[in-house]
Protein backbone atom coordinates (compact mmCIF):
# COMPACT_ATOMS: atom_id res chain seq x y z
CA MET A 1 35.69 -52.54 -2.46
CA VAL A 2 38.31 -49.84 -2.01
CA ASP A 3 38.86 -47.74 -5.13
CA PRO A 4 42.56 -48.01 -6.03
CA LYS A 5 42.43 -44.48 -7.50
CA LYS A 6 41.53 -42.90 -4.15
CA PRO A 7 44.37 -42.10 -1.78
CA LYS A 8 44.57 -44.58 1.08
CA VAL A 9 44.34 -43.28 4.63
CA GLU A 10 47.04 -44.91 6.72
CA LEU A 11 47.13 -44.83 10.49
CA PRO A 12 50.13 -45.70 12.64
CA LYS A 13 50.01 -49.42 13.50
CA ALA A 14 49.05 -48.93 17.16
CA LYS A 15 46.18 -46.58 16.26
CA GLU A 16 45.04 -48.86 13.47
CA GLN A 17 44.96 -51.84 15.83
CA ALA A 18 43.01 -49.83 18.39
CA ALA A 19 40.53 -48.73 15.69
CA VAL A 20 40.09 -52.33 14.52
CA GLU A 21 39.39 -53.48 18.07
CA GLU A 22 36.89 -50.66 18.61
CA LEU A 23 35.18 -51.50 15.32
CA LYS A 24 34.95 -55.19 16.27
CA LYS A 25 33.44 -54.20 19.62
CA LEU A 26 30.95 -51.79 18.02
CA VAL A 27 29.74 -54.30 15.43
CA GLN A 28 29.37 -56.97 18.12
CA GLU A 29 27.38 -54.69 20.44
CA ARG A 30 25.20 -53.02 17.81
CA PHE A 31 24.57 -55.84 15.35
CA ASP A 32 25.45 -58.96 17.31
CA VAL A 33 27.94 -59.89 14.59
CA GLN A 34 31.38 -61.09 15.49
CA LEU A 35 34.12 -59.92 13.12
CA GLY A 36 37.60 -61.30 12.99
CA ARG A 37 40.60 -59.03 12.88
CA PHE A 38 40.94 -59.29 9.08
CA GLU A 39 37.25 -58.56 8.45
CA ALA A 40 37.32 -55.59 10.82
CA LYS A 41 40.50 -54.26 9.17
CA ASP A 42 38.90 -54.59 5.72
CA LEU A 43 35.76 -52.79 6.94
CA LEU A 44 37.90 -50.04 8.48
CA ASP A 45 39.77 -49.62 5.18
CA GLU A 46 36.48 -49.39 3.27
CA VAL A 47 34.96 -46.83 5.64
CA CYS A 48 38.14 -44.73 5.61
CA ALA A 49 38.26 -44.80 1.81
CA LEU A 50 34.60 -43.81 1.54
CA ILE A 51 34.37 -41.03 4.12
CA GLY A 52 37.90 -40.26 5.26
CA VAL A 53 38.25 -37.51 2.67
CA PHE A 54 35.27 -35.64 4.15
CA TYR A 55 36.86 -35.56 7.61
CA TYR A 56 40.24 -34.62 6.13
CA ASN A 57 38.77 -31.72 4.18
CA GLN A 58 36.79 -30.52 7.21
CA ALA A 59 39.93 -30.61 9.33
CA LEU A 60 41.72 -28.47 6.72
CA ALA A 61 38.83 -26.00 6.67
CA ASP A 62 38.88 -25.80 10.48
CA VAL A 63 42.63 -25.15 10.53
CA ASP A 64 42.28 -22.57 7.77
CA GLU A 65 39.68 -20.67 9.79
CA LYS A 66 41.81 -20.74 12.95
CA LEU A 67 44.87 -19.55 11.04
CA LYS A 68 42.92 -16.69 9.45
CA LEU A 69 41.77 -15.54 12.87
CA ARG A 70 45.30 -15.81 14.27
CA PHE A 71 46.79 -13.84 11.36
CA GLU A 72 44.18 -11.13 11.86
CA MET A 73 45.25 -10.90 15.51
CA ILE A 74 48.91 -10.68 14.50
CA GLU A 75 48.15 -7.96 11.94
CA SER A 76 46.26 -6.03 14.59
CA ASP A 77 49.17 -6.38 17.02
CA LEU A 78 51.59 -5.16 14.36
CA TRP A 79 49.38 -2.21 13.57
CA LEU A 80 49.43 -1.24 17.26
CA LEU A 81 53.24 -1.38 17.27
CA GLU A 82 53.60 0.96 14.29
CA LYS A 83 54.92 4.44 15.11
């Protein structure tokens, strides 16, 4: 069950619906279990609550690294412009 203390990951409706459909398809193909829309949505919510934070934090770390590299390039460019 989703922990009410954890922040809830919310997708735009169209993306959420697409994710639910993909999850239904995956479960059917892999486990030969047919989920309804509500069951698939509940499973999606559970998975997002359990592991979504790991992907979110990794995305932040990736952006941080790219920004650090970009700022180093900008500092280098500024240094070259100094007179």
